[in-house]
């Protein structure tokens, strides 16, 4: 936000503003101040014009404060040396309210592994953006959600053959799901069979739809079913069992990969989808591919 010239604001107008806010009425405030209603109305109009937005709105109960008005009221009640800050915070309230955030649809596990390691670089490149993370619902709805403006960009995992023709799509990386364990708690032999794994508790994310892996549960005597990859990671790190987890992240976390005979690792691609007409989303995707700390 540009530097604000506080000197253009009249202290009397702030005093009048406080009276109107307190009484909820121009007439009652004017009577209290000992000035005419027209003079008070003109003072409030000039103050709002100086700020560039409304401080009051009318409803059936009379005059009430807008969100900006509430900020100014609280700040202006402070000692006079804090007057400048009251004006600045009021202007900032209006600025933020009118600046739409950049919405990223992403799961909590991908936000941790994809966005978090890159967030400082992204903030530097897009200093004027406020980021808002939204829950990613379904691949089948990504086109409609992007076109309706529900979010600006979607980052999600899908099978390698997943294609969306209606929107731009960039591949970020691949995730290979294998058996992993924490060597602080386990020392299994490499090259185990599925039957040999039955003596361990198996930790996995409970997937549905195209990536349903519920059949794996019935291959083991004991298992822990997690809602997301983050839960799986914490369970594995704390020695709850041997888990199925992306090896690319597991190795960074100090976990070991386990080769299991008869088990074919699942490969999933992390993609970004966005509207080609959304310049900010296009630049964001380009920056993320350039930084690529994941």
Protein backbone atom coordinates (compact mmCIF):
# COMPACT_ATOMS: atom_id res chain seq x y z
CA UNK A 1 0.00 0.00 0.00
CA UNK A 2 1.26 3.51 -0.89
CA UNK A 3 2.41 5.86 1.90
CA UNK A 4 -0.54 7.75 3.37
CA UNK A 5 -0.54 11.53 3.87
CA UNK A 6 -2.17 11.74 7.31
CA UNK A 7 -1.88 15.55 7.46
CA UNK A 8 -4.86 15.91 5.12
CA UNK A 9 -7.21 14.49 7.78
CA UNK A 10 -8.91 16.98 10.09
CA UNK A 11 -8.89 16.15 13.83
CA UNK A 12 -12.33 17.75 14.28
CA UNK A 13 -13.77 15.39 11.67
CA UNK A 14 -12.43 12.43 13.67
CA UNK A 15 -14.05 13.84 16.84
CA UNK A 16 -17.32 14.20 14.92
CA UNK A 17 -16.94 10.68 13.53
CA UNK A 18 -16.57 9.26 17.07
CA UNK A 19 -19.73 11.04 18.16
CA UNK A 20 -21.77 9.72 15.22
CA UNK A 21 -20.43 6.19 15.86
CA UNK A 22 -21.32 6.49 19.56
CA UNK A 23 -24.86 7.83 19.06
CA UNK A 24 -25.69 5.92 15.87
CA UNK A 25 -27.47 9.00 14.59
CA UNK A 26 -26.50 12.23 12.82
CA UNK A 27 -29.18 14.21 14.64
CA UNK A 28 -28.27 12.98 18.12
CA UNK A 29 -24.54 13.43 17.44
CA UNK A 30 -25.10 16.96 16.09
CA UNK A 31 -27.12 17.87 19.19
CA UNK A 32 -24.38 16.50 21.44
CA UNK A 33 -21.67 18.42 19.55
CA UNK A 34 -23.70 21.63 19.34
CA UNK A 35 -23.48 21.90 15.55
CA UNK A 36 -26.05 21.66 12.78
CA UNK A 37 -26.98 18.32 11.19
CA UNK A 38 -26.00 19.60 7.75
CA UNK A 39 -22.52 20.63 8.97
CA UNK A 40 -22.01 17.24 10.60
CA UNK A 41 -23.25 15.38 7.52
CA UNK A 42 -20.89 17.40 5.31
CA UNK A 43 -17.97 16.69 7.68
CA UNK A 44 -18.63 12.93 7.53
CA UNK A 45 -18.97 13.08 3.74
CA UNK A 46 -15.63 14.91 3.44
CA UNK A 47 -13.93 12.41 5.75
CA UNK A 48 -15.18 9.46 3.69
CA UNK A 49 -14.11 11.19 0.46
CA UNK A 50 -10.61 11.75 1.91
CA UNK A 51 -10.36 8.06 2.81
CA UNK A 52 -11.93 6.85 -0.42
CA UNK A 53 -14.54 4.54 1.13
CA UNK A 54 -17.61 4.54 3.39
CA UNK A 55 -17.38 4.52 7.18
CA UNK A 56 -21.12 4.21 7.81
CA UNK A 57 -24.06 2.38 6.35
CA UNK A 58 -27.76 2.63 7.17
CA UNK A 59 -30.11 -0.14 8.26
CA UNK A 60 -33.43 -0.33 10.09
CA UNK A 61 -31.69 0.48 13.39
CA UNK A 62 -30.07 3.66 12.08
CA UNK A 63 -26.42 4.33 11.21
CA UNK A 64 -23.91 1.53 11.81
CA UNK A 65 -20.20 1.27 11.16
CA UNK A 66 -18.70 -0.52 8.16
CA UNK A 67 -15.71 -2.83 8.70
CA UNK A 68 -13.42 0.13 7.96
CA UNK A 69 -15.44 2.30 10.32
CA UNK A 70 -14.96 -0.20 13.15
CA UNK A 71 -11.18 -0.16 12.62
CA UNK A 72 -11.07 3.65 12.64
CA UNK A 73 -13.33 3.84 15.71
CA UNK A 74 -11.08 1.55 17.77
CA UNK A 75 -7.91 3.31 16.61
CA UNK A 76 -9.25 6.85 17.04
CA UNK A 77 -10.23 6.12 20.65
CA UNK A 78 -6.51 5.75 21.39
CA UNK A 79 -4.22 8.66 22.47
CA UNK A 80 -3.59 11.33 19.84
CA UNK A 81 -0.07 10.10 19.06
CA UNK A 82 -1.64 6.91 17.72
CA UNK A 83 -3.91 8.81 15.36
CA UNK A 84 -1.70 8.17 12.34
CA UNK A 85 -1.71 4.43 12.99
CA UNK A 86 -5.51 4.48 13.27
CA UNK A 87 -5.77 6.05 9.80
CA UNK A 88 -3.21 3.64 8.30
CA UNK A 89 -4.95 0.57 9.72
CA UNK A 90 -8.31 1.81 8.45
CA UNK A 91 -6.90 2.24 4.94
CA UNK A 92 -5.25 -1.18 5.14
CA UNK A 93 -8.54 -2.79 6.15
CA UNK A 94 -10.19 -1.43 3.01
CA UNK A 95 -7.20 -2.36 0.84
CA UNK A 96 -7.16 -5.99 2.03
CA UNK A 97 -10.92 -6.33 1.81
CA UNK A 98 -10.91 -5.31 -1.84
CA UNK A 99 -7.86 -7.38 -2.82
CA UNK A 100 -8.93 -10.89 -3.78
CA UNK A 101 -6.54 -13.57 -2.43
CA UNK A 102 -4.76 -16.00 -4.72
CA UNK A 103 -6.56 -19.27 -4.01
CA UNK A 104 -4.63 -22.55 -4.19
CA UNK A 105 -6.59 -25.80 -4.03
CA UNK A 106 -4.29 -28.38 -2.44
CA UNK A 107 -4.28 -31.18 0.12
CA UNK A 108 -2.57 -30.65 3.49
CA UNK A 109 0.15 -33.21 2.65
CA UNK A 110 1.01 -31.52 -0.67
CA UNK A 111 0.93 -28.10 0.98
CA UNK A 112 3.57 -29.42 3.40
CA UNK A 113 5.81 -31.03 0.78
CA UNK A 114 5.27 -28.76 -2.26
CA UNK A 115 4.33 -25.26 -1.07
CA UNK A 116 5.97 -24.96 2.36
CA UNK A 117 9.58 -25.49 1.14
CA UNK A 118 9.04 -22.84 -1.55
CA UNK A 119 6.88 -20.32 0.30
CA UNK A 120 9.61 -17.77 1.12
CA UNK A 121 10.73 -17.59 -2.52
CA UNK A 122 7.11 -17.37 -3.68
CA UNK A 123 6.39 -14.54 -1.22
CA UNK A 124 9.37 -12.58 -2.56
CA UNK A 125 8.28 -13.02 -6.17
CA UNK A 126 4.61 -12.28 -5.45
CA UNK A 127 4.84 -9.73 -2.64
CA UNK A 128 1.49 -8.22 -3.58
CA UNK A 129 -0.42 -11.50 -3.21
CA UNK A 130 -2.26 -12.88 -0.23
CA UNK A 131 -2.27 -16.67 -0.45
CA UNK A 132 -5.34 -18.67 0.57
CA UNK A 133 -5.32 -22.46 0.65
CA UNK A 134 -8.52 -24.30 -0.26
CA UNK A 135 -9.39 -27.97 0.04
CA UNK A 136 -9.01 -29.84 -3.23
CA UNK A 137 -12.22 -31.80 -3.79
CA UNK A 138 -12.03 -33.98 -6.90
CA UNK A 139 -10.17 -34.26 -10.19
CA UNK A 140 -13.48 -34.52 -12.05
CA UNK A 141 -14.53 -31.09 -10.79
CA UNK A 142 -11.28 -29.20 -11.40
CA UNK A 143 -12.37 -27.66 -14.72
CA UNK A 144 -15.70 -26.36 -13.37
CA UNK A 145 -14.05 -25.11 -10.17
CA UNK A 146 -11.37 -23.17 -12.08
CA UNK A 147 -13.86 -21.70 -14.53
CA UNK A 148 -16.22 -20.63 -11.73
CA UNK A 149 -13.35 -18.94 -9.86
CA UNK A 150 -13.56 -21.24 -6.84
CA UNK A 151 -9.77 -21.23 -6.88
CA UNK A 152 -6.96 -19.93 -9.14
CA UNK A 153 -4.79 -23.01 -9.32
CA UNK A 154 -5.16 -26.66 -8.31
CA UNK A 155 -2.24 -28.85 -7.23
CA UNK A 156 -3.05 -32.52 -6.85
CA UNK A 157 -1.80 -36.08 -7.35
CA UNK A 158 -3.18 -38.21 -10.15
CA UNK A 159 -2.36 -41.26 -12.22
CA UNK A 160 0.28 -40.68 -14.89
CA UNK A 161 -2.32 -40.97 -17.67
CA UNK A 162 -4.56 -38.23 -16.25
CA UNK A 163 -5.22 -35.48 -18.80
CA UNK A 164 -7.32 -32.32 -18.65
CA UNK A 165 -7.82 -30.79 -22.09
CA UNK A 166 -9.90 -27.76 -21.08
CA UNK A 167 -7.24 -26.14 -18.86
CA UNK A 168 -3.48 -25.68 -18.80
CA UNK A 169 -1.64 -28.40 -16.87
CA UNK A 170 2.00 -28.60 -15.73
CA UNK A 171 3.73 -31.60 -14.18
CA UNK A 172 5.54 -30.75 -10.95
CA UNK A 173 7.02 -34.08 -9.94
CA UNK A 174 6.34 -37.77 -9.45
CA UNK A 175 5.64 -39.66 -6.25
CA UNK A 176 6.50 -43.36 -5.97
CA UNK A 177 4.65 -45.16 -3.19
CA UNK A 178 6.74 -47.92 -1.62
CA UNK A 179 7.08 -49.61 1.78
CA UNK A 180 9.13 -47.46 4.19
CA UNK A 181 10.13 -47.71 7.84
CA UNK A 182 11.99 -45.85 10.57
CA UNK A 183 15.35 -47.60 11.21
CA UNK A 184 15.22 -46.40 14.84
CA UNK A 185 12.43 -48.92 15.47
CA UNK A 186 12.76 -51.65 12.84
CA UNK A 187 15.49 -53.58 11.03
CA UNK A 188 13.64 -55.73 8.49
CA UNK A 189 15.58 -57.67 5.90
CA UNK A 190 15.46 -56.23 2.38
CA UNK A 191 13.61 -58.27 -0.20
CA UNK A 192 10.83 -59.47 2.11
CA UNK A 193 7.74 -61.20 0.78
CA UNK A 194 4.22 -59.96 1.41
CA UNK A 195 3.59 -62.87 3.77
CA UNK A 196 6.69 -62.00 5.81
CA UNK A 197 5.28 -58.50 6.29
CA UNK A 198 2.26 -59.93 8.11
CA UNK A 199 4.04 -59.77 11.48
CA UNK A 200 4.25 -55.96 11.19
CA UNK A 201 1.55 -53.31 11.46
CA UNK A 202 1.07 -51.75 8.02
CA UNK A 203 0.30 -48.04 7.75
CA UNK A 204 -1.42 -46.64 4.66
CA UNK A 205 -3.64 -43.85 3.45
CA UNK A 206 -7.21 -45.00 2.84
CA UNK A 207 -7.78 -44.16 -0.82
CA UNK A 208 -11.00 -44.30 -2.79
CA UNK A 209 -12.00 -44.03 -6.45
CA UNK A 210 -9.42 -44.70 -9.15
CA UNK A 211 -6.64 -44.99 -6.58
CA UNK A 212 -8.50 -47.33 -4.21
CA UNK A 213 -6.01 -49.50 -2.34
CA UNK A 214 -8.39 -50.99 0.23
CA UNK A 215 -7.59 -54.49 -1.05
CA UNK A 216 -4.12 -54.15 0.50
CA UNK A 217 -5.65 -54.14 3.97
CA UNK A 218 -6.79 -57.71 3.55
CA UNK A 219 -3.22 -58.82 2.83
CA UNK A 220 -2.13 -58.12 6.40
CA UNK A 221 -3.18 -59.06 9.93
CA UNK A 222 -2.70 -55.59 11.40
CA UNK A 223 -2.98 -52.21 9.75
CA UNK A 224 -3.53 -48.51 10.49
CA UNK A 225 -5.67 -46.61 7.99
CA UNK A 226 -4.91 -42.86 7.80
CA UNK A 227 -6.89 -39.98 6.30
CA UNK A 228 -3.90 -38.36 4.57
CA UNK A 229 -0.18 -38.68 3.87
CA UNK A 230 0.75 -36.41 6.78
CA UNK A 231 -0.87 -38.81 9.25
CA UNK A 232 0.92 -41.73 7.61
CA UNK A 233 4.27 -39.95 7.91
CA UNK A 234 3.83 -39.22 11.62
CA UNK A 235 2.80 -42.81 12.34
CA UNK A 236 5.81 -44.20 10.46
CA UNK A 237 8.26 -41.76 12.04
CA UNK A 238 7.01 -42.70 15.50
CA UNK A 239 7.47 -46.42 14.92
CA UNK A 240 3.81 -47.46 14.72
CA UNK A 241 4.64 -49.82 11.86
CA UNK A 242 5.86 -50.09 8.28
CA UNK A 243 4.06 -47.75 5.92
CA UNK A 244 3.27 -47.21 2.26
CA UNK A 245 4.53 -43.72 1.52
CA UNK A 246 6.27 -41.68 -1.26
CA UNK A 247 9.94 -42.64 -1.23
CA UNK A 248 10.97 -39.14 -2.42
CA UNK A 249 9.72 -37.60 0.84
CA UNK A 250 10.53 -40.59 3.06
CA UNK A 251 14.23 -40.40 2.24
CA UNK A 252 14.31 -36.70 3.22
CA UNK A 253 12.70 -37.62 6.54
CA UNK A 254 15.36 -40.20 7.37
CA UNK A 255 13.14 -43.19 6.60
CA UNK A 256 14.34 -46.29 4.75
CA UNK A 257 12.72 -47.90 1.72
CA UNK A 258 11.94 -51.60 1.83
CA UNK A 259 11.91 -53.79 -1.25
CA UNK A 260 8.99 -56.24 -1.08
CA UNK A 261 8.72 -59.14 -3.51
CA UNK A 262 5.44 -59.20 -5.40
CA UNK A 263 4.62 -55.57 -4.63
CA UNK A 264 4.62 -53.14 -7.56
CA UNK A 265 5.22 -49.51 -6.43
CA UNK A 266 2.46 -47.10 -7.38
CA UNK A 267 3.53 -44.01 -9.33
CA UNK A 268 1.49 -40.84 -9.08
CA UNK A 269 2.11 -37.47 -10.72
CA UNK A 270 1.76 -34.13 -8.93
CA UNK A 271 0.11 -31.75 -11.42
CA UNK A 272 -0.85 -28.08 -11.49
CA UNK A 273 -3.99 -27.02 -13.34
CA UNK A 274 -5.06 -23.45 -14.09
CA UNK A 275 -6.91 -21.40 -16.67
CA UNK A 276 -4.67 -20.23 -19.52
CA UNK A 277 -6.32 -16.81 -19.24
CA UNK A 278 -5.27 -16.47 -15.57
CA UNK A 279 -1.94 -14.63 -15.90
CA UNK A 280 -1.19 -14.71 -12.17
CA UNK A 281 -1.74 -18.46 -12.00
CA UNK A 282 0.43 -18.95 -15.08
CA UNK A 283 3.27 -16.92 -13.52
CA UNK A 284 2.86 -18.74 -10.20
CA UNK A 285 3.16 -22.12 -11.92
CA UNK A 286 6.24 -20.94 -13.84
CA UNK A 287 7.88 -19.69 -10.62
CA UNK A 288 7.17 -22.93 -8.76
CA UNK A 289 8.76 -24.94 -11.57
CA UNK A 290 11.82 -22.68 -11.48
CA UNK A 291 12.29 -22.83 -7.69
CA UNK A 292 11.35 -26.51 -7.37
CA UNK A 293 12.44 -27.21 -3.78
CA UNK A 294 10.69 -30.56 -3.49
